[in-house]
Amino acid sequence: FAALREGSEAIVDEVKAKVARDTGNLAESVK
């Protein structure tokens, strides 16, 4: 589960960095 959480958080961070940023809402709300 720790490995799953670590990988998932890395994916969330990557999405936040790459998602379109018109308002920033998508970057803030991906979970």
ModelCIF file with pLDDT and N, C-alpha, C, O atoms, coordinates in Angstrom:
data_MODEL
#
_entry.id   MODEL 
#
_entity.id                         1 
_entity.type                       polymer 
_entity.pdbx_number_of_molecules   1 
#
_entity_poly.entity_id                      1 
_entity_poly.type                           'polypeptide(L)' 
_entity_poly.nstd_linkage                   no 
_entity_poly.nstd_monomer                   no 
_entity_poly.pdbx_seq_one_letter_code       FAALREGSEAIVDEVKAKVARDTGNLAESVK 
_entity_poly.pdbx_seq_one_letter_code_can   FAALREGSEAIVDEVKAKVARDTGNLAESVK 
_entity_poly.pdbx_strand_id                 A 
#
loop_
_entity_poly_seq.entity_id 
_entity_poly_seq.num 
_entity_poly_seq.mon_id 
_entity_poly_seq.hetero 
1 1  PHE n 
1 2  ALA n 
1 3  ALA n 
1 4  LEU n 
1 5  ARG n 
1 6  GLU n 
1 7  GLY n 
1 8  SER n 
1 9  GLU n 
1 10 ALA n 
1 11 ILE n 
1 12 VAL n 
1 13 ASP n 
1 14 GLU n 
1 15 VAL n 
1 16 LYS n 
1 17 ALA n 
1 18 LYS n 
1 19 VAL n 
1 20 ALA n 
1 21 ARG n 
1 22 ASP n 
1 23 THR n 
1 24 GLY n 
1 25 ASN n 
1 26 LEU n 
1 27 ALA n 
1 28 GLU n 
1 29 SER n 
1 30 VAL n 
1 31 LYS n 
#
_struct_asym.id          A 
_struct_asym.entity_id   1 
#
loop_
_ma_qa_metric.id 
_ma_qa_metric.mode 
_ma_qa_metric.name 
_ma_qa_metric.software_group_id 
_ma_qa_metric.type 
1 global pLDDT . pLDDT 
2 local  pLDDT . pLDDT 
#
_ma_qa_metric_global.metric_id      1 
_ma_qa_metric_global.metric_value   89.42 
_ma_qa_metric_global.model_id       1 
_ma_qa_metric_global.ordinal_id     1 
#
loop_
_ma_qa_metric_local.label_asym_id 
_ma_qa_metric_local.label_comp_id 
_ma_qa_metric_local.label_seq_id 
_ma_qa_metric_local.metric_id 
_ma_qa_metric_local.metric_value 
_ma_qa_metric_local.model_id 
_ma_qa_metric_local.ordinal_id 
A PHE 1  2 89.00 1 1  
A ALA 2  2 91.00 1 2  
A ALA 3  2 92.00 1 3  
A LEU 4  2 91.00 1 4  
A ARG 5  2 93.00 1 5  
A GLU 6  2 94.00 1 6  
A GLY 7  2 94.00 1 7  
A SER 8  2 95.00 1 8  
A GLU 9  2 95.00 1 9  
A ALA 10 2 95.00 1 10 
A ILE 11 2 95.00 1 11 
A VAL 12 2 96.00 1 12 
A ASP 13 2 95.00 1 13 
A GLU 14 2 93.00 1 14 
A VAL 15 2 94.00 1 15 
A LYS 16 2 92.00 1 16 
A ALA 17 2 91.00 1 17 
A LYS 18 2 88.00 1 18 
A VAL 19 2 86.00 1 19 
A ALA 20 2 76.00 1 20 
A ARG 21 2 77.00 1 21 
A ASP 22 2 76.00 1 22 
A THR 23 2 76.00 1 23 
A GLY 24 2 79.00 1 24 
A ASN 25 2 84.00 1 25 
A LEU 26 2 87.00 1 26 
A ALA 27 2 89.00 1 27 
A GLU 28 2 91.00 1 28 
A SER 29 2 91.00 1 29 
A VAL 30 2 93.00 1 30 
A LYS 31 2 94.00 1 31 
#
loop_
_atom_site.group_PDB 
_atom_site.id 
_atom_site.type_symbol 
_atom_site.label_atom_id 
_atom_site.label_alt_id 
_atom_site.label_comp_id 
_atom_site.label_asym_id 
_atom_site.label_entity_id 
_atom_site.label_seq_id 
_atom_site.pdbx_PDB_ins_code 
_atom_site.Cartn_x 
_atom_site.Cartn_y 
_atom_site.Cartn_z 
_atom_site.occupancy 
_atom_site.B_iso_or_equiv 
_atom_site.pdbx_formal_charge 
_atom_site.auth_seq_id 
_atom_site.auth_comp_id 
_atom_site.auth_asym_id 
_atom_site.auth_atom_id 
_atom_site.pdbx_PDB_model_num 
ATOM 1   N N  . PHE A 1 1  ? 0.828  -1.200 0.000   1.00 89.00 ? 1  PHE A N  1 
ATOM 2   C CA . PHE A 1 1  ? 0.000  0.000  0.000   1.00 89.00 ? 1  PHE A CA 1 
ATOM 3   C C  . PHE A 1 1  ? 0.868  1.258  0.000   1.00 89.00 ? 1  PHE A C  1 
ATOM 4   O O  . PHE A 1 1  ? 0.518  2.246  -0.646  1.00 89.00 ? 1  PHE A O  1 
ATOM 5   N N  . ALA A 1 2  ? 1.998  1.234  0.719   1.00 91.00 ? 2  ALA A N  1 
ATOM 6   C CA . ALA A 1 2  ? 2.910  2.386  0.717   1.00 91.00 ? 2  ALA A CA 1 
ATOM 7   C C  . ALA A 1 2  ? 3.445  2.634  -0.697  1.00 91.00 ? 2  ALA A C  1 
ATOM 8   O O  . ALA A 1 2  ? 3.543  3.781  -1.135  1.00 91.00 ? 2  ALA A O  1 
ATOM 9   N N  . ALA A 1 3  ? 3.785  1.573  -1.397  1.00 92.00 ? 3  ALA A N  1 
ATOM 10  C CA . ALA A 1 3  ? 4.266  1.717  -2.777  1.00 92.00 ? 3  ALA A CA 1 
ATOM 11  C C  . ALA A 1 3  ? 3.155  2.234  -3.688  1.00 92.00 ? 3  ALA A C  1 
ATOM 12  O O  . ALA A 1 3  ? 3.399  3.067  -4.561  1.00 92.00 ? 3  ALA A O  1 
ATOM 13  N N  . LEU A 1 4  ? 1.941  1.742  -3.482  1.00 91.00 ? 4  LEU A N  1 
ATOM 14  C CA . LEU A 1 4  ? 0.798  2.219  -4.263  1.00 91.00 ? 4  LEU A CA 1 
ATOM 15  C C  . LEU A 1 4  ? 0.570  3.705  -4.033  1.00 91.00 ? 4  LEU A C  1 
ATOM 16  O O  . LEU A 1 4  ? 0.360  4.459  -4.982  1.00 91.00 ? 4  LEU A O  1 
ATOM 17  N N  . ARG A 1 5  ? 0.612  4.124  -2.778  1.00 93.00 ? 5  ARG A N  1 
ATOM 18  C CA . ARG A 1 5  ? 0.405  5.528  -2.444  1.00 93.00 ? 5  ARG A CA 1 
ATOM 19  C C  . ARG A 1 5  ? 1.514  6.397  -3.045  1.00 93.00 ? 5  ARG A C  1 
ATOM 20  O O  . ARG A 1 5  ? 1.237  7.471  -3.579  1.00 93.00 ? 5  ARG A O  1 
ATOM 21  N N  . GLU A 1 6  ? 2.747  5.944  -2.962  1.00 94.00 ? 6  GLU A N  1 
ATOM 22  C CA . GLU A 1 6  ? 3.871  6.713  -3.515  1.00 94.00 ? 6  GLU A CA 1 
ATOM 23  C C  . GLU A 1 6  ? 3.729  6.888  -5.028  1.00 94.00 ? 6  GLU A C  1 
ATOM 24  O O  . GLU A 1 6  ? 3.923  7.985  -5.551  1.00 94.00 ? 6  GLU A O  1 
ATOM 25  N N  . GLY A 1 7  ? 3.391  5.813  -5.719  1.00 94.00 ? 7  GLY A N  1 
ATOM 26  C CA . GLY A 1 7  ? 3.203  5.906  -7.165  1.00 94.00 ? 7  GLY A CA 1 
ATOM 27  C C  . GLY A 1 7  ? 2.026  6.795  -7.532  1.00 94.00 ? 7  GLY A C  1 
ATOM 28  O O  . GLY A 1 7  ? 2.099  7.568  -8.487  1.00 94.00 ? 7  GLY A O  1 
ATOM 29  N N  . SER A 1 8  ? 0.941  6.685  -6.774  1.00 95.00 ? 8  SER A N  1 
ATOM 30  C CA . SER A 1 8  ? -0.251 7.497  -7.041  1.00 95.00 ? 8  SER A CA 1 
ATOM 31  C C  . SER A 1 8  ? 0.030  8.971  -6.832  1.00 95.00 ? 8  SER A C  1 
ATOM 32  O O  . SER A 1 8  ? -0.402 9.804  -7.629  1.00 95.00 ? 8  SER A O  1 
ATOM 33  N N  . GLU A 1 9  ? 0.749  9.304  -5.768  1.00 95.00 ? 9  GLU A N  1 
ATOM 34  C CA . GLU A 1 9  ? 1.080  10.698 -5.505  1.00 95.00 ? 9  GLU A CA 1 
ATOM 35  C C  . GLU A 1 9  ? 1.993  11.263 -6.589  1.00 95.00 ? 9  GLU A C  1 
ATOM 36  O O  . GLU A 1 9  ? 1.887  12.436 -6.944  1.00 95.00 ? 9  GLU A O  1 
ATOM 37  N N  . ALA A 1 10 ? 2.893  10.427 -7.115  1.00 95.00 ? 10 ALA A N  1 
ATOM 38  C CA . ALA A 1 10 ? 3.760  10.870 -8.210  1.00 95.00 ? 10 ALA A CA 1 
ATOM 39  C C  . ALA A 1 10 ? 2.927  11.172 -9.456  1.00 95.00 ? 10 ALA A C  1 
ATOM 40  O O  . ALA A 1 10 ? 3.203  12.136 -10.170 1.00 95.00 ? 10 ALA A O  1 
ATOM 41  N N  . ILE A 1 11 ? 1.910  10.350 -9.715  1.00 95.00 ? 11 ILE A N  1 
ATOM 42  C CA . ILE A 1 11 ? 1.036  10.586 -10.869 1.00 95.00 ? 11 ILE A CA 1 
ATOM 43  C C  . ILE A 1 11 ? 0.252  11.881 -10.681 1.00 95.00 ? 11 ILE A C  1 
ATOM 44  O O  . ILE A 1 11 ? 0.141  12.685 -11.607 1.00 95.00 ? 11 ILE A O  1 
ATOM 45  N N  . VAL A 1 12 ? -0.291 12.080 -9.478  1.00 96.00 ? 12 VAL A N  1 
ATOM 46  C CA . VAL A 1 12 ? -1.041 13.312 -9.195  1.00 96.00 ? 12 VAL A CA 1 
ATOM 47  C C  . VAL A 1 12 ? -0.140 14.529 -9.387  1.00 96.00 ? 12 VAL A C  1 
ATOM 48  O O  . VAL A 1 12 ? -0.554 15.517 -9.992  1.00 96.00 ? 12 VAL A O  1 
ATOM 49  N N  . ASP A 1 13 ? 1.079  14.464 -8.882  1.00 95.00 ? 13 ASP A N  1 
ATOM 50  C CA . ASP A 1 13 ? 2.013  15.590 -9.035  1.00 95.00 ? 13 ASP A CA 1 
ATOM 51  C C  . ASP A 1 13 ? 2.325  15.863 -10.506 1.00 95.00 ? 13 ASP A C  1 
ATOM 52  O O  . ASP A 1 13 ? 2.417  17.017 -10.925 1.00 95.00 ? 13 ASP A O  1 
ATOM 53  N N  . GLU A 1 14 ? 2.485  14.799 -11.278 1.00 93.00 ? 14 GLU A N  1 
ATOM 54  C CA . GLU A 1 14 ? 2.773  14.948 -12.715 1.00 93.00 ? 14 GLU A CA 1 
ATOM 55  C C  . GLU A 1 14 ? 1.578  15.569 -13.441 1.00 93.00 ? 14 GLU A C  1 
ATOM 56  O O  . GLU A 1 14 ? 1.752  16.430 -14.303 1.00 93.00 ? 14 GLU A O  1 
ATOM 57  N N  . VAL A 1 15 ? 0.375  15.136 -13.095 1.00 94.00 ? 15 VAL A N  1 
ATOM 58  C CA . VAL A 1 15 ? -0.823 15.715 -13.714 1.00 94.00 ? 15 VAL A CA 1 
ATOM 59  C C  . VAL A 1 15 ? -0.912 17.199 -13.375 1.00 94.00 ? 15 VAL A C  1 
ATOM 60  O O  . VAL A 1 15 ? -1.189 18.024 -14.246 1.00 94.00 ? 15 VAL A O  1 
ATOM 61  N N  . LYS A 1 16 ? -0.676 17.537 -12.107 1.00 92.00 ? 16 LYS A N  1 
ATOM 62  C CA . LYS A 1 16 ? -0.724 18.949 -11.697 1.00 92.00 ? 16 LYS A CA 1 
ATOM 63  C C  . LYS A 1 16 ? 0.260  19.793 -12.485 1.00 92.00 ? 16 LYS A C  1 
ATOM 64  O O  . LYS A 1 16 ? -0.021 20.947 -12.806 1.00 92.00 ? 16 LYS A O  1 
ATOM 65  N N  . ALA A 1 17 ? 1.417  19.217 -12.796 1.00 91.00 ? 17 ALA A N  1 
ATOM 66  C CA . ALA A 1 17 ? 2.438  19.964 -13.527 1.00 91.00 ? 17 ALA A CA 1 
ATOM 67  C C  . ALA A 1 17 ? 2.084  20.121 -15.010 1.00 91.00 ? 17 ALA A C  1 
ATOM 68  O O  . ALA A 1 17 ? 2.487  21.104 -15.632 1.00 91.00 ? 17 ALA A O  1 
ATOM 69  N N  . LYS A 1 18 ? 1.339  19.172 -15.586 1.00 88.00 ? 18 LYS A N  1 
ATOM 70  C CA . LYS A 1 18 ? 1.101  19.167 -17.027 1.00 88.00 ? 18 LYS A CA 1 
ATOM 71  C C  . LYS A 1 18 ? -0.291 19.611 -17.454 1.00 88.00 ? 18 LYS A C  1 
ATOM 72  O O  . LYS A 1 18 ? -0.494 19.921 -18.628 1.00 88.00 ? 18 LYS A O  1 
ATOM 73  N N  . VAL A 1 19 ? -1.254 19.652 -16.539 1.00 86.00 ? 19 VAL A N  1 
ATOM 74  C CA . VAL A 1 19 ? -2.629 19.957 -16.922 1.00 86.00 ? 19 VAL A CA 1 
ATOM 75  C C  . VAL A 1 19 ? -2.752 21.408 -17.384 1.00 86.00 ? 19 VAL A C  1 
ATOM 76  O O  . VAL A 1 19 ? -2.014 22.284 -16.932 1.00 86.00 ? 19 VAL A O  1 
ATOM 77  N N  . ALA A 1 20 ? -3.702 21.645 -18.299 1.00 76.00 ? 20 ALA A N  1 
ATOM 78  C CA . ALA A 1 20 ? -3.953 23.006 -18.778 1.00 76.00 ? 20 ALA A CA 1 
ATOM 79  C C  . ALA A 1 20 ? -4.294 23.910 -17.601 1.00 76.00 ? 20 ALA A C  1 
ATOM 80  O O  . ALA A 1 20 ? -4.999 23.496 -16.681 1.00 76.00 ? 20 ALA A O  1 
ATOM 81  N N  . ARG A 1 21 ? -3.791 25.155 -17.627 1.00 77.00 ? 21 ARG A N  1 
ATOM 82  C CA . ARG A 1 21 ? -3.948 26.049 -16.485 1.00 77.00 ? 21 ARG A CA 1 
ATOM 83  C C  . ARG A 1 21 ? -4.654 27.338 -16.847 1.00 77.00 ? 21 ARG A C  1 
ATOM 84  O O  . ARG A 1 21 ? -4.074 28.417 -16.722 1.00 77.00 ? 21 ARG A O  1 
ATOM 85  N N  . ASP A 1 22 ? -5.889 27.246 -17.290 1.00 76.00 ? 22 ASP A N  1 
ATOM 86  C CA . ASP A 1 22 ? -6.648 28.480 -17.525 1.00 76.00 ? 22 ASP A CA 1 
ATOM 87  C C  . ASP A 1 22 ? -6.967 29.151 -16.195 1.00 76.00 ? 22 ASP A C  1 
ATOM 88  O O  . ASP A 1 22 ? -6.649 30.322 -15.987 1.00 76.00 ? 22 ASP A O  1 
ATOM 89  N N  . THR A 1 23 ? -7.592 28.408 -15.308 1.00 76.00 ? 23 THR A N  1 
ATOM 90  C CA . THR A 1 23 ? -7.932 28.950 -13.982 1.00 76.00 ? 23 THR A CA 1 
ATOM 91  C C  . THR A 1 23 ? -7.129 28.287 -12.874 1.00 76.00 ? 23 THR A C  1 
ATOM 92  O O  . THR A 1 23 ? -7.055 28.818 -11.766 1.00 76.00 ? 23 THR A O  1 
ATOM 93  N N  . GLY A 1 24 ? -6.528 27.142 -13.149 1.00 79.00 ? 24 GLY A N  1 
ATOM 94  C CA . GLY A 1 24 ? -5.798 26.398 -12.131 1.00 79.00 ? 24 GLY A CA 1 
ATOM 95  C C  . GLY A 1 24 ? -6.675 25.404 -11.386 1.00 79.00 ? 24 GLY A C  1 
ATOM 96  O O  . GLY A 1 24 ? -6.184 24.656 -10.541 1.00 79.00 ? 24 GLY A O  1 
ATOM 97  N N  . ASN A 1 25 ? -7.967 25.388 -11.692 1.00 84.00 ? 25 ASN A N  1 
ATOM 98  C CA . ASN A 1 25 ? -8.885 24.510 -10.974 1.00 84.00 ? 25 ASN A CA 1 
ATOM 99  C C  . ASN A 1 25 ? -8.563 23.031 -11.187 1.00 84.00 ? 25 ASN A C  1 
ATOM 100 O O  . ASN A 1 25 ? -8.589 22.252 -10.234 1.00 84.00 ? 25 ASN A O  1 
ATOM 101 N N  . LEU A 1 26 ? -8.262 22.638 -12.422 1.00 87.00 ? 26 LEU A N  1 
ATOM 102 C CA . LEU A 1 26 ? -7.975 21.228 -12.672 1.00 87.00 ? 26 LEU A CA 1 
ATOM 103 C C  . LEU A 1 26 ? -6.719 20.771 -11.942 1.00 87.00 ? 26 LEU A C  1 
ATOM 104 O O  . LEU A 1 26 ? -6.670 19.650 -11.434 1.00 87.00 ? 26 LEU A O  1 
ATOM 105 N N  . ALA A 1 27 ? -5.717 21.616 -11.887 1.00 89.00 ? 27 ALA A N  1 
ATOM 106 C CA . ALA A 1 27 ? -4.495 21.251 -11.178 1.00 89.00 ? 27 ALA A CA 1 
ATOM 107 C C  . ALA A 1 27 ? -4.749 21.087 -9.683  1.00 89.00 ? 27 ALA A C  1 
ATOM 108 O O  . ALA A 1 27 ? -4.175 20.208 -9.040  1.00 89.00 ? 27 ALA A O  1 
ATOM 109 N N  . GLU A 1 28 ? -5.595 21.924 -9.148  1.00 91.00 ? 28 GLU A N  1 
ATOM 110 C CA . GLU A 1 28 ? -5.873 21.864 -7.711  1.00 91.00 ? 28 GLU A CA 1 
ATOM 111 C C  . GLU A 1 28 ? -6.812 20.734 -7.326  1.00 91.00 ? 28 GLU A C  1 
ATOM 112 O O  . GLU A 1 28 ? -6.776 20.270 -6.186  1.00 91.00 ? 28 GLU A O  1 
ATOM 113 N N  . SER A 1 29 ? -7.648 20.283 -8.247  1.00 91.00 ? 29 SER A N  1 
ATOM 114 C CA . SER A 1 29 ? -8.679 19.328 -7.853  1.00 91.00 ? 29 SER A CA 1 
ATOM 115 C C  . SER A 1 29 ? -8.399 17.884 -8.261  1.00 91.00 ? 29 SER A C  1 
ATOM 116 O O  . SER A 1 29 ? -9.193 17.004 -7.928  1.00 91.00 ? 29 SER A O  1 
ATOM 117 N N  . VAL A 1 30 ? -7.311 17.606 -8.963  1.00 93.00 ? 30 VAL A N  1 
ATOM 118 C CA . VAL A 1 30 ? -6.988 16.216 -9.268  1.00 93.00 ? 30 VAL A CA 1 
ATOM 119 C C  . VAL A 1 30 ? -6.569 15.524 -7.971  1.00 93.00 ? 30 VAL A C  1 
ATOM 120 O O  . VAL A 1 30 ? -5.776 16.058 -7.194  1.00 93.00 ? 30 VAL A O  1 
ATOM 121 N N  . LYS A 1 31 ? -7.113 14.337 -7.754  1.00 94.00 ? 31 LYS A N  1 
ATOM 122 C CA . LYS A 1 31 ? -6.861 13.632 -6.493  1.00 94.00 ? 31 LYS A CA 1 
ATOM 123 C C  . LYS A 1 31 ? -6.759 12.134 -6.730  1.00 94.00 ? 31 LYS A C  1 
ATOM 124 O O  . LYS A 1 31 ? -6.550 11.372 -5.786  1.00 94.00 ? 31 LYS A O  1 
#
